[in-house]
N, C-alpha and C. Protein backbone atom coordinates (compact mmCIF):
# COMPACT_ATOMS: atom_id res chain seq x y z
N MET A 1 -97.37 -19.82 -31.91
CA MET A 1 -97.56 -20.23 -33.47
C MET A 1 -98.42 -21.44 -33.56
N PHE A 2 -98.60 -22.38 -32.78
CA PHE A 2 -99.50 -23.69 -33.32
C PHE A 2 -100.94 -23.52 -32.50
N THR A 3 -101.36 -22.52 -31.50
CA THR A 3 -102.47 -22.44 -31.23
C THR A 3 -103.61 -21.17 -32.17
N ASP A 4 -102.82 -20.69 -32.92
CA ASP A 4 -103.38 -19.43 -33.89
C ASP A 4 -104.20 -20.11 -35.04
N GLY A 5 -105.32 -20.29 -34.92
CA GLY A 5 -106.16 -20.95 -36.09
C GLY A 5 -105.93 -19.89 -37.17
N ALA A 6 -105.33 -18.82 -37.31
CA ALA A 6 -105.31 -17.61 -38.39
C ALA A 6 -104.28 -18.80 -39.64
N ARG A 7 -103.36 -19.19 -39.00
CA ARG A 7 -102.19 -19.52 -39.86
C ARG A 7 -101.96 -21.02 -39.81
N SER A 8 -102.04 -21.74 -40.95
CA SER A 8 -102.26 -23.20 -41.14
C SER A 8 -100.52 -23.39 -41.24
N VAL A 9 -100.21 -24.69 -40.97
CA VAL A 9 -98.87 -25.07 -41.48
C VAL A 9 -98.48 -24.98 -42.67
N PRO A 10 -99.12 -24.95 -43.65
CA PRO A 10 -98.39 -24.72 -45.00
C PRO A 10 -98.27 -23.17 -44.87
N ASP A 11 -99.06 -22.32 -44.76
CA ASP A 11 -98.77 -20.97 -44.69
C ASP A 11 -97.60 -20.63 -43.94
N VAL A 12 -97.37 -21.04 -42.86
CA VAL A 12 -96.17 -20.68 -42.13
C VAL A 12 -94.86 -21.59 -42.86
N VAL A 13 -95.04 -22.42 -43.48
CA VAL A 13 -94.11 -23.06 -44.11
C VAL A 13 -93.40 -22.06 -45.53
N GLN A 14 -94.47 -21.63 -46.13
CA GLN A 14 -94.19 -20.89 -47.31
C GLN A 14 -93.80 -19.22 -46.89
N THR A 15 -94.57 -18.60 -45.92
CA THR A 15 -94.33 -17.36 -45.71
C THR A 15 -93.26 -17.39 -44.71
N GLY A 16 -92.65 -18.42 -44.07
CA GLY A 16 -91.46 -18.06 -42.66
C GLY A 16 -92.08 -17.62 -41.83
N TYR A 17 -91.12 -17.42 -40.63
CA TYR A 17 -91.28 -17.06 -39.43
C TYR A 17 -89.54 -16.60 -38.62
N THR A 18 -89.41 -16.24 -37.55
CA THR A 18 -88.74 -16.24 -36.80
C THR A 18 -88.42 -16.93 -35.70
N VAL A 19 -87.29 -17.15 -34.87
CA VAL A 19 -87.31 -18.25 -33.91
C VAL A 19 -86.76 -16.93 -32.79
N ASP A 20 -87.52 -16.73 -31.80
CA ASP A 20 -86.98 -15.60 -30.54
C ASP A 20 -86.89 -16.39 -29.78
N ILE A 21 -85.72 -17.12 -29.40
CA ILE A 21 -85.42 -17.82 -28.28
C ILE A 21 -85.57 -17.33 -27.03
N GLY A 22 -85.16 -16.18 -26.76
CA GLY A 22 -85.46 -15.48 -25.56
C GLY A 22 -86.96 -15.25 -25.17
N LYS A 23 -87.82 -14.86 -26.23
CA LYS A 23 -89.26 -14.91 -25.94
C LYS A 23 -90.02 -15.82 -25.52
N TYR A 24 -89.51 -17.12 -26.49
CA TYR A 24 -89.76 -18.22 -26.00
C TYR A 24 -89.77 -18.98 -24.60
N LEU A 25 -88.40 -18.47 -23.97
CA LEU A 25 -88.01 -19.22 -22.93
C LEU A 25 -88.98 -18.23 -21.87
N GLY A 26 -89.05 -17.12 -22.32
CA GLY A 26 -89.63 -16.15 -21.27
C GLY A 26 -91.21 -16.55 -20.98
N GLU A 27 -91.78 -16.84 -22.19
CA GLU A 27 -93.08 -17.19 -21.77
C GLU A 27 -93.57 -18.78 -21.45
N GLY A 28 -92.39 -19.23 -21.58
CA GLY A 28 -92.60 -20.64 -20.97
C GLY A 28 -92.48 -20.59 -19.86
N TRP A 29 -91.33 -19.79 -19.31
CA TRP A 29 -91.07 -19.75 -17.48
C TRP A 29 -92.52 -19.21 -16.99
N GLU A 30 -93.09 -18.15 -18.13
CA GLU A 30 -94.61 -17.48 -17.50
C GLU A 30 -95.69 -18.68 -17.12
N LEU A 31 -95.78 -19.63 -17.87
CA LEU A 31 -96.61 -20.41 -18.15
C LEU A 31 -96.25 -21.39 -17.19
N PHE A 32 -95.34 -21.95 -17.18
CA PHE A 32 -94.73 -22.72 -15.62
C PHE A 32 -95.23 -22.50 -14.67
N LYS A 33 -95.01 -20.52 -14.33
CA LYS A 33 -95.29 -20.11 -12.94
C LYS A 33 -96.67 -20.35 -13.26
N LYS A 34 -97.46 -20.69 -13.91
CA LYS A 34 -99.37 -20.59 -13.47
C LYS A 34 -99.52 -21.57 -12.75
N ASN A 35 -99.04 -22.84 -13.16
CA ASN A 35 -98.99 -23.95 -12.61
C ASN A 35 -97.84 -24.96 -12.16
N ALA A 36 -96.91 -24.27 -11.30
CA ALA A 36 -95.76 -24.91 -11.17
C ALA A 36 -95.86 -26.09 -10.48
N GLY A 37 -96.85 -26.25 -9.55
CA GLY A 37 -97.15 -27.70 -8.40
C GLY A 37 -97.25 -28.39 -9.59
N GLY A 38 -98.61 -28.11 -10.39
CA GLY A 38 -98.78 -29.38 -11.67
C GLY A 38 -97.60 -29.76 -12.18
N PHE A 39 -96.76 -28.84 -12.79
CA PHE A 39 -95.95 -29.17 -13.47
C PHE A 39 -94.66 -30.08 -12.86
N VAL A 40 -94.35 -29.66 -11.61
CA VAL A 40 -93.45 -30.46 -10.78
C VAL A 40 -93.79 -31.57 -10.36
N GLY A 41 -95.27 -31.61 -10.14
CA GLY A 41 -95.60 -32.89 -9.53
C GLY A 41 -95.74 -33.72 -10.77
N PHE A 42 -95.97 -33.39 -11.72
CA PHE A 42 -96.52 -34.27 -13.19
C PHE A 42 -94.98 -34.72 -13.44
N THR A 43 -94.15 -34.15 -13.02
CA THR A 43 -92.59 -34.34 -13.54
C THR A 43 -92.00 -35.68 -13.14
N LEU A 44 -92.12 -35.12 -11.50
CA LEU A 44 -91.90 -36.24 -10.19
C LEU A 44 -92.85 -37.68 -10.46
N LEU A 45 -93.89 -37.44 -10.73
CA LEU A 45 -94.64 -38.91 -11.25
C LEU A 45 -94.16 -39.60 -12.40
N MET A 46 -93.41 -38.81 -13.56
CA MET A 46 -93.23 -39.20 -14.62
C MET A 46 -91.68 -40.19 -14.40
N LEU A 47 -90.92 -39.36 -13.43
CA LEU A 47 -89.53 -39.94 -13.19
C LEU A 47 -89.71 -40.86 -12.31
N ALA A 48 -90.72 -41.31 -11.69
CA ALA A 48 -90.96 -42.26 -10.50
C ALA A 48 -91.59 -43.52 -11.67
N LEU A 49 -92.23 -43.25 -12.70
CA LEU A 49 -92.73 -44.30 -13.59
C LEU A 49 -91.59 -44.64 -14.18
N SER A 50 -90.70 -43.40 -14.91
CA SER A 50 -89.62 -44.19 -15.57
C SER A 50 -88.33 -45.06 -14.82
N ALA A 51 -88.80 -45.13 -13.87
CA ALA A 51 -87.93 -45.84 -12.71
C ALA A 51 -88.41 -47.12 -12.52
N VAL A 52 -89.64 -47.33 -12.61
CA VAL A 52 -90.12 -48.61 -12.07
C VAL A 52 -89.46 -49.86 -12.75
N PRO A 53 -89.04 -49.65 -14.18
CA PRO A 53 -88.24 -51.05 -15.05
C PRO A 53 -87.07 -51.29 -14.15
N GLN A 54 -86.30 -50.37 -13.47
CA GLN A 54 -85.53 -50.37 -12.83
C GLN A 54 -85.09 -51.41 -11.57
N ILE A 55 -86.51 -51.07 -11.15
CA ILE A 55 -86.77 -51.65 -9.69
C ILE A 55 -87.02 -53.11 -9.57
N LEU A 56 -87.63 -53.69 -10.93
CA LEU A 56 -88.43 -54.67 -11.17
C LEU A 56 -87.38 -55.58 -11.19
N PRO A 57 -87.92 -57.20 -10.68
CA PRO A 57 -86.83 -58.15 -10.83
C PRO A 57 -86.30 -57.88 -12.54
N GLU A 58 -84.97 -58.75 -12.31
CA GLU A 58 -84.65 -58.62 -13.77
C GLU A 58 -85.30 -59.30 -14.91
N ARG A 59 -85.95 -60.34 -14.61
CA ARG A 59 -86.74 -60.93 -15.35
C ARG A 59 -87.69 -59.85 -16.08
N LEU A 60 -88.33 -59.32 -15.12
CA LEU A 60 -89.51 -58.47 -15.74
C LEU A 60 -89.14 -57.41 -16.20
N ARG A 61 -87.85 -56.67 -16.36
CA ARG A 61 -87.52 -55.30 -16.68
C ARG A 61 -87.48 -55.19 -18.00
N PRO A 62 -87.82 -56.41 -18.85
CA PRO A 62 -88.12 -55.95 -20.35
C PRO A 62 -89.32 -55.51 -20.63
N LEU A 63 -90.23 -56.20 -20.03
CA LEU A 63 -91.65 -55.43 -19.99
C LEU A 63 -91.87 -54.70 -19.41
N GLY A 64 -91.27 -54.41 -18.03
CA GLY A 64 -91.18 -52.48 -17.50
C GLY A 64 -90.80 -51.81 -18.46
N SER A 65 -89.55 -51.94 -19.27
CA SER A 65 -89.38 -50.83 -20.15
C SER A 65 -90.19 -50.54 -21.55
N ILE A 66 -90.93 -51.73 -22.02
CA ILE A 66 -91.70 -51.59 -22.84
C ILE A 66 -92.84 -51.13 -22.39
N ALA A 67 -93.51 -51.16 -21.06
CA ALA A 67 -94.86 -50.52 -20.78
C ALA A 67 -94.27 -49.07 -20.60
N SER A 68 -93.03 -48.92 -20.10
CA SER A 68 -92.83 -47.26 -20.05
C SER A 68 -92.77 -46.65 -21.47
N SER A 69 -92.01 -47.14 -22.35
CA SER A 69 -92.00 -46.73 -23.80
C SER A 69 -93.41 -46.44 -24.51
N VAL A 70 -94.52 -47.36 -24.11
CA VAL A 70 -95.70 -47.36 -24.64
C VAL A 70 -96.43 -46.28 -23.53
N LEU A 71 -96.05 -45.99 -22.97
CA LEU A 71 -97.02 -44.75 -22.30
C LEU A 71 -96.53 -43.42 -22.35
N SER A 72 -95.06 -43.48 -22.50
CA SER A 72 -94.15 -42.26 -22.69
C SER A 72 -94.75 -40.97 -23.30
N GLY A 73 -95.20 -41.61 -25.14
CA GLY A 73 -95.69 -40.48 -25.90
C GLY A 73 -96.93 -39.85 -25.06
N PRO A 74 -98.12 -40.69 -25.05
CA PRO A 74 -99.64 -40.06 -24.25
C PRO A 74 -99.01 -39.37 -22.89
N LEU A 75 -98.20 -39.84 -21.99
CA LEU A 75 -98.13 -38.95 -20.76
C LEU A 75 -97.12 -37.82 -21.28
N GLY A 76 -95.85 -37.76 -21.84
CA GLY A 76 -95.26 -36.32 -22.28
C GLY A 76 -96.41 -35.68 -23.09
N ALA A 77 -97.26 -35.95 -23.55
CA ALA A 77 -98.02 -34.86 -24.33
C ALA A 77 -98.97 -34.14 -23.47
N GLY A 78 -99.00 -34.66 -22.27
CA GLY A 78 -99.91 -34.09 -20.79
C GLY A 78 -99.12 -32.37 -20.49
N PHE A 79 -97.74 -32.51 -20.70
CA PHE A 79 -97.32 -31.09 -20.46
C PHE A 79 -97.68 -30.15 -21.70
N TYR A 80 -98.12 -30.49 -22.79
CA TYR A 80 -98.44 -29.74 -23.83
C TYR A 80 -100.04 -29.30 -23.69
N ILE A 81 -100.62 -30.64 -23.18
CA ILE A 81 -102.18 -30.09 -23.08
C ILE A 81 -102.21 -29.22 -21.80
N VAL A 82 -101.68 -29.35 -20.81
CA VAL A 82 -101.94 -27.99 -19.92
C VAL A 82 -101.41 -26.96 -20.31
N ALA A 83 -99.96 -26.92 -20.99
CA ALA A 83 -99.57 -25.67 -21.26
C ALA A 83 -100.65 -24.98 -22.10
N PHE A 84 -101.57 -25.44 -23.10
CA PHE A 84 -102.21 -25.05 -24.35
C PHE A 84 -103.55 -24.46 -23.26
N LYS A 85 -103.81 -25.12 -22.49
CA LYS A 85 -105.09 -24.74 -21.70
C LYS A 85 -104.79 -23.36 -20.93
N LEU A 86 -103.58 -23.32 -20.26
CA LEU A 86 -102.85 -22.18 -19.66
C LEU A 86 -102.67 -20.78 -20.83
N ILE A 87 -102.14 -21.05 -21.90
CA ILE A 87 -102.50 -20.32 -22.94
C ILE A 87 -103.58 -19.63 -23.32
N LYS A 88 -104.77 -20.41 -23.34
CA LYS A 88 -105.71 -19.82 -23.87
C LYS A 88 -107.08 -19.49 -22.67
N GLN A 89 -106.13 -19.21 -21.47
CA GLN A 89 -106.80 -18.60 -20.33
C GLN A 89 -107.96 -19.62 -19.72
N ARG A 90 -107.44 -20.74 -19.76
CA ARG A 90 -108.71 -21.94 -19.24
C ARG A 90 -108.03 -22.38 -17.87
N GLY A 91 -108.81 -23.14 -17.12
CA GLY A 91 -108.39 -23.64 -15.75
C GLY A 91 -107.80 -24.78 -16.26
N THR A 92 -107.04 -25.47 -15.01
CA THR A 92 -106.41 -26.83 -15.36
C THR A 92 -106.71 -27.71 -14.10
N THR A 93 -106.76 -28.77 -14.41
CA THR A 93 -106.55 -29.67 -12.90
C THR A 93 -105.38 -30.75 -13.69
N PHE A 94 -105.03 -31.43 -12.36
CA PHE A 94 -103.94 -32.46 -12.43
C PHE A 94 -104.18 -33.79 -13.48
N SER A 95 -105.67 -33.90 -13.51
CA SER A 95 -105.93 -35.05 -14.50
C SER A 95 -105.80 -34.49 -15.81
N ASP A 96 -105.64 -33.02 -16.06
CA ASP A 96 -105.60 -32.85 -17.82
C ASP A 96 -104.24 -33.19 -18.09
N PHE A 97 -103.07 -33.68 -17.29
CA PHE A 97 -101.74 -34.01 -17.59
C PHE A 97 -101.75 -35.48 -18.01
N PHE A 98 -103.21 -36.33 -18.01
CA PHE A 98 -103.06 -37.70 -18.37
C PHE A 98 -104.41 -37.44 -19.68
N ARG A 99 -104.69 -36.20 -20.50
CA ARG A 99 -105.33 -36.27 -21.29
C ARG A 99 -104.73 -36.71 -22.68
N GLY A 100 -103.21 -37.05 -22.50
CA GLY A 100 -102.36 -37.39 -24.03
C GLY A 100 -103.29 -38.90 -24.29
N PHE A 101 -103.94 -39.56 -23.00
CA PHE A 101 -104.35 -40.88 -23.76
C PHE A 101 -105.42 -40.63 -24.17
N ASN A 102 -106.24 -39.66 -24.83
CA ASN A 102 -107.22 -39.55 -25.15
C ASN A 102 -106.78 -39.62 -27.03
N ASN A 103 -105.47 -39.40 -27.11
CA ASN A 103 -104.96 -39.47 -28.50
C ASN A 103 -103.75 -40.41 -28.79
N PHE A 104 -104.04 -41.55 -27.60
CA PHE A 104 -103.30 -42.72 -27.70
C PHE A 104 -102.42 -43.15 -28.68
N LEU A 105 -103.03 -43.52 -29.30
CA LEU A 105 -102.62 -44.29 -30.79
C LEU A 105 -101.73 -43.49 -31.52
N PRO A 106 -102.20 -42.09 -32.22
CA PRO A 106 -101.15 -41.28 -32.66
C PRO A 106 -100.20 -40.84 -31.95
N LEU A 107 -99.98 -40.61 -30.64
CA LEU A 107 -98.93 -40.58 -29.79
C LEU A 107 -97.80 -41.40 -29.92
N PHE A 108 -98.02 -42.52 -29.36
CA PHE A 108 -97.89 -43.80 -29.13
C PHE A 108 -96.82 -44.04 -30.38
N LEU A 109 -97.55 -44.23 -31.54
CA LEU A 109 -97.20 -44.43 -32.83
C LEU A 109 -95.88 -43.16 -33.30
N ALA A 110 -96.17 -42.16 -32.98
CA ALA A 110 -95.52 -41.13 -33.36
C ALA A 110 -93.87 -40.84 -32.44
N SER A 111 -94.40 -41.46 -31.12
CA SER A 111 -93.27 -41.51 -30.19
C SER A 111 -92.47 -43.00 -30.53
N LEU A 112 -92.83 -44.10 -30.75
CA LEU A 112 -92.27 -44.86 -31.58
C LEU A 112 -91.19 -44.89 -32.70
N LEU A 113 -92.31 -44.33 -34.03
CA LEU A 113 -91.69 -44.10 -35.26
C LEU A 113 -90.33 -42.90 -35.01
N THR A 114 -90.77 -41.78 -34.24
CA THR A 114 -89.49 -40.71 -33.96
C THR A 114 -88.49 -41.47 -33.41
N SER A 115 -88.37 -42.12 -32.45
CA SER A 115 -87.08 -42.65 -31.54
C SER A 115 -86.76 -43.88 -32.26
N ILE A 116 -87.30 -44.69 -33.35
CA ILE A 116 -86.71 -45.94 -34.06
C ILE A 116 -85.77 -44.95 -35.16
N LEU A 117 -86.27 -44.16 -35.91
CA LEU A 117 -85.63 -43.59 -37.03
C LEU A 117 -84.91 -42.59 -36.32
N THR A 118 -84.97 -41.77 -35.43
CA THR A 118 -83.72 -41.09 -34.88
C THR A 118 -82.57 -41.74 -34.50
N VAL A 119 -82.81 -42.83 -33.95
CA VAL A 119 -81.63 -43.86 -33.64
C VAL A 119 -80.75 -44.58 -34.65
N VAL A 120 -81.79 -44.73 -35.75
CA VAL A 120 -81.26 -45.16 -37.01
C VAL A 120 -80.24 -44.37 -37.48
N GLY A 121 -81.10 -43.11 -37.50
CA GLY A 121 -80.08 -41.39 -38.04
C GLY A 121 -78.66 -41.31 -37.05
N PHE A 122 -78.97 -41.74 -36.20
CA PHE A 122 -77.66 -41.39 -34.91
C PHE A 122 -76.62 -42.55 -35.36
N ILE A 123 -77.27 -43.66 -35.68
CA ILE A 123 -76.35 -45.19 -35.94
C ILE A 123 -75.66 -45.04 -37.49
N LEU A 124 -76.34 -44.56 -38.70
CA LEU A 124 -75.90 -44.32 -39.84
C LEU A 124 -74.66 -43.28 -39.90
N LEU A 125 -74.88 -42.34 -39.32
CA LEU A 125 -73.86 -40.89 -39.22
C LEU A 125 -73.78 -40.02 -38.24
N PHE A 126 -74.48 -40.08 -37.32
CA PHE A 126 -74.72 -39.27 -36.38
C PHE A 126 -75.63 -37.53 -36.45
N ILE A 127 -75.33 -37.08 -37.60
CA ILE A 127 -75.84 -36.06 -38.40
C ILE A 127 -77.04 -36.30 -38.59
N PRO A 128 -77.60 -37.40 -39.42
CA PRO A 128 -78.96 -37.61 -39.58
C PRO A 128 -80.15 -37.64 -38.56
N GLY A 129 -79.43 -38.16 -37.12
CA GLY A 129 -80.08 -38.30 -36.03
C GLY A 129 -80.42 -36.90 -35.13
N ILE A 130 -79.32 -36.13 -35.23
CA ILE A 130 -79.35 -34.91 -34.67
C ILE A 130 -80.69 -34.11 -35.59
N TYR A 131 -80.47 -34.29 -36.99
CA TYR A 131 -81.41 -33.46 -37.72
C TYR A 131 -82.61 -34.07 -37.25
N LEU A 132 -83.08 -35.30 -37.29
CA LEU A 132 -84.18 -35.92 -37.32
C LEU A 132 -84.81 -35.73 -35.84
N ALA A 133 -83.87 -35.37 -34.48
CA ALA A 133 -84.25 -35.41 -33.40
C ALA A 133 -84.62 -34.00 -33.26
N VAL A 134 -84.18 -32.93 -34.01
CA VAL A 134 -85.07 -31.52 -34.14
C VAL A 134 -86.17 -31.32 -35.02
N ALA A 135 -86.02 -32.17 -35.99
CA ALA A 135 -86.94 -31.67 -36.96
C ALA A 135 -88.31 -32.39 -36.54
N TRP A 136 -88.38 -33.30 -35.79
CA TRP A 136 -89.69 -33.83 -35.27
C TRP A 136 -89.92 -33.19 -33.91
N ALA A 137 -89.47 -32.30 -33.34
CA ALA A 137 -89.62 -31.61 -31.97
C ALA A 137 -91.26 -31.21 -31.94
N PHE A 138 -91.74 -30.79 -33.11
CA PHE A 138 -93.05 -30.35 -32.78
C PHE A 138 -94.52 -31.55 -32.99
N THR A 139 -93.60 -32.73 -33.02
CA THR A 139 -94.61 -33.66 -33.51
C THR A 139 -95.94 -33.88 -32.66
N THR A 140 -95.62 -34.08 -31.47
CA THR A 140 -96.52 -33.89 -30.17
C THR A 140 -97.81 -32.85 -30.29
N LEU A 141 -97.09 -31.68 -30.60
CA LEU A 141 -97.87 -30.49 -30.51
C LEU A 141 -98.82 -30.47 -31.61
N PHE A 142 -98.59 -31.00 -32.58
CA PHE A 142 -99.32 -31.17 -33.83
C PHE A 142 -100.43 -32.18 -33.70
N ILE A 143 -99.98 -33.09 -32.97
CA ILE A 143 -101.11 -34.06 -32.47
C ILE A 143 -102.18 -33.83 -31.39
N VAL A 144 -101.78 -33.33 -30.61
CA VAL A 144 -102.51 -32.81 -29.53
C VAL A 144 -103.23 -31.66 -29.94
N ASP A 145 -102.57 -30.28 -30.41
CA ASP A 145 -103.17 -29.08 -30.75
C ASP A 145 -103.95 -29.06 -32.20
N ARG A 146 -103.51 -30.08 -33.36
CA ARG A 146 -104.21 -29.85 -34.38
C ARG A 146 -104.75 -31.10 -34.58
N ARG A 147 -104.93 -32.28 -33.86
CA ARG A 147 -105.22 -33.27 -34.17
C ARG A 147 -104.86 -34.29 -35.29
N PHE A 148 -103.46 -33.75 -35.96
CA PHE A 148 -102.95 -34.56 -37.21
C PHE A 148 -103.24 -35.80 -36.38
N ASP A 149 -102.72 -36.53 -37.30
CA ASP A 149 -102.42 -38.38 -37.02
C ASP A 149 -100.63 -38.19 -37.07
N PHE A 150 -100.49 -39.35 -36.71
CA PHE A 150 -98.87 -39.44 -36.40
C PHE A 150 -97.83 -39.03 -37.39
N TRP A 151 -98.19 -39.42 -38.72
CA TRP A 151 -97.32 -39.19 -39.51
C TRP A 151 -97.47 -37.93 -40.54
N ASP A 152 -98.69 -37.27 -40.26
CA ASP A 152 -99.05 -35.90 -41.01
C ASP A 152 -98.20 -34.94 -39.75
N ALA A 153 -98.09 -35.37 -38.60
CA ALA A 153 -97.71 -34.58 -37.64
C ALA A 153 -96.28 -34.54 -37.66
N MET A 154 -95.61 -35.65 -37.76
CA MET A 154 -94.16 -35.66 -38.22
C MET A 154 -94.06 -35.03 -39.48
N GLU A 155 -94.40 -34.95 -40.42
CA GLU A 155 -94.23 -34.16 -41.60
C GLU A 155 -94.43 -32.93 -41.47
N ALA A 156 -95.45 -32.43 -40.84
CA ALA A 156 -95.73 -31.26 -40.44
C ALA A 156 -94.85 -30.33 -39.61
N SER A 157 -94.34 -30.79 -38.56
CA SER A 157 -92.91 -30.65 -37.76
C SER A 157 -91.76 -30.12 -38.53
N ARG A 158 -91.59 -31.75 -39.22
CA ARG A 158 -90.17 -31.38 -40.36
C ARG A 158 -90.30 -30.15 -40.93
N LYS A 159 -91.56 -29.82 -41.73
CA LYS A 159 -91.76 -28.99 -42.54
C LYS A 159 -91.28 -27.48 -41.78
N VAL A 160 -91.96 -27.55 -40.96
CA VAL A 160 -91.99 -26.21 -40.01
C VAL A 160 -90.33 -25.84 -39.67
N ILE A 161 -89.94 -26.73 -38.74
CA ILE A 161 -88.84 -26.73 -38.08
C ILE A 161 -87.77 -26.65 -39.40
N SER A 162 -87.86 -27.08 -40.32
CA SER A 162 -87.02 -27.10 -41.29
C SER A 162 -86.38 -25.39 -41.87
N LYS A 163 -87.21 -24.86 -41.92
CA LYS A 163 -87.06 -23.65 -42.33
C LYS A 163 -86.30 -22.81 -41.69
N ARG A 164 -86.17 -23.36 -40.33
CA ARG A 164 -85.29 -22.56 -39.15
C ARG A 164 -84.64 -23.21 -38.43
N TRP A 165 -84.00 -24.69 -39.05
CA TRP A 165 -83.52 -25.73 -38.56
C TRP A 165 -82.57 -25.14 -37.29
N PHE A 166 -81.50 -24.69 -37.57
CA PHE A 166 -80.37 -24.32 -36.64
C PHE A 166 -80.98 -23.45 -35.58
N SER A 167 -81.84 -22.37 -35.90
CA SER A 167 -82.54 -21.66 -34.86
C SER A 167 -83.18 -22.65 -33.43
N TRP A 168 -84.07 -23.25 -34.17
CA TRP A 168 -84.24 -24.68 -33.67
C TRP A 168 -83.58 -25.27 -32.64
N LEU A 169 -82.46 -25.89 -33.48
CA LEU A 169 -81.51 -26.53 -32.53
C LEU A 169 -80.96 -25.60 -31.47
N LEU A 170 -80.63 -24.37 -31.50
CA LEU A 170 -80.04 -23.27 -30.62
C LEU A 170 -81.00 -23.51 -29.71
N PHE A 171 -82.31 -23.48 -29.79
CA PHE A 171 -83.33 -22.73 -28.80
C PHE A 171 -83.29 -24.24 -28.04
N ILE A 172 -83.18 -25.55 -28.44
CA ILE A 172 -83.20 -26.90 -27.62
C ILE A 172 -81.72 -26.65 -26.72
N VAL A 173 -80.92 -26.55 -27.32
CA VAL A 173 -79.73 -25.92 -26.39
C VAL A 173 -79.66 -25.30 -25.34
N ALA A 174 -80.33 -24.19 -25.85
CA ALA A 174 -80.74 -22.80 -24.67
C ALA A 174 -81.69 -23.45 -23.73
N PHE A 175 -82.70 -23.97 -24.10
CA PHE A 175 -83.76 -24.49 -23.25
C PHE A 175 -82.80 -25.39 -22.13
N TYR A 176 -82.00 -26.35 -22.78
CA TYR A 176 -81.93 -27.45 -21.86
C TYR A 176 -80.35 -26.90 -21.06
N HIS A 177 -79.97 -25.59 -20.97
CA HIS A 177 -79.26 -24.79 -20.23
C HIS A 177 -79.52 -23.53 -19.80
N CYS A 178 -80.84 -23.37 -19.82
CA CYS A 178 -81.07 -22.20 -19.34
C CYS A 178 -81.44 -21.97 -17.92
N ASP A 179 -81.43 -20.57 -17.33
CA ASP A 179 -81.58 -20.62 -15.99
C ASP A 179 -83.00 -19.61 -16.17
N CYS A 180 -83.61 -19.98 -16.17
CA CYS A 180 -85.05 -19.14 -16.63
C CYS A 180 -85.86 -18.31 -15.58
N ALA A 181 -85.17 -18.40 -14.50
CA ALA A 181 -85.80 -17.72 -13.06
C ALA A 181 -85.45 -16.32 -13.22
N ASP A 182 -86.29 -15.59 -12.81
CA ASP A 182 -86.53 -13.80 -12.93
C ASP A 182 -85.21 -13.15 -12.40
C-alpha cells in the first residue's frame, strides 16, 4: 500500500481500500523469514537498550529514560526500512536497521508527539487514546517510505487509517495475538 508509487495518499483516502488481515500477516511472516536473523538480532538489541535505564544507578535513570525515548523513533524505523528493502527485492545488511537515524528529527518528533497526545487521549477518556494509537500507526511508514515531515506523516496516517479504523484495530489485535508460523 505504501510502496506503490502509483497511488498517492489522497487517492487512497478518496477511493478507499480493504484491509485483509490474513494476507498482511502472511506477507509479514514471509518478509520476516527472509531476514529472520536480522529481525531477531535487532529486536534483542532494542530490548537490551530499553533495559539500560533500569540497570543504571537511580540518579541516572531519568537521563537513561530520556535517551531511550529519544532513540526509540529512529531505531523502531529500522524494522520498516529493512522490510521495505525486502519488499523491493533488495539486499539488506544489519546496518540498514540503523538507517532511521537518516530521518532522525522527523522520527523523533513524531514519536514524541504521538506518545504525548496518545497519553493525553488515554487520560481524558481512554477512547481518544485508543483512537489516536491506531490512527497514527502508519506515521513512521510515511516518514521512512514517503519522506513526509512528522506532522504530514501523522495526518496522512490518521486519514488513511480512519477510512477503515475498526479493521486496523482488529489487525493490531490479531498481530499481537497471532501465531503466524506455517
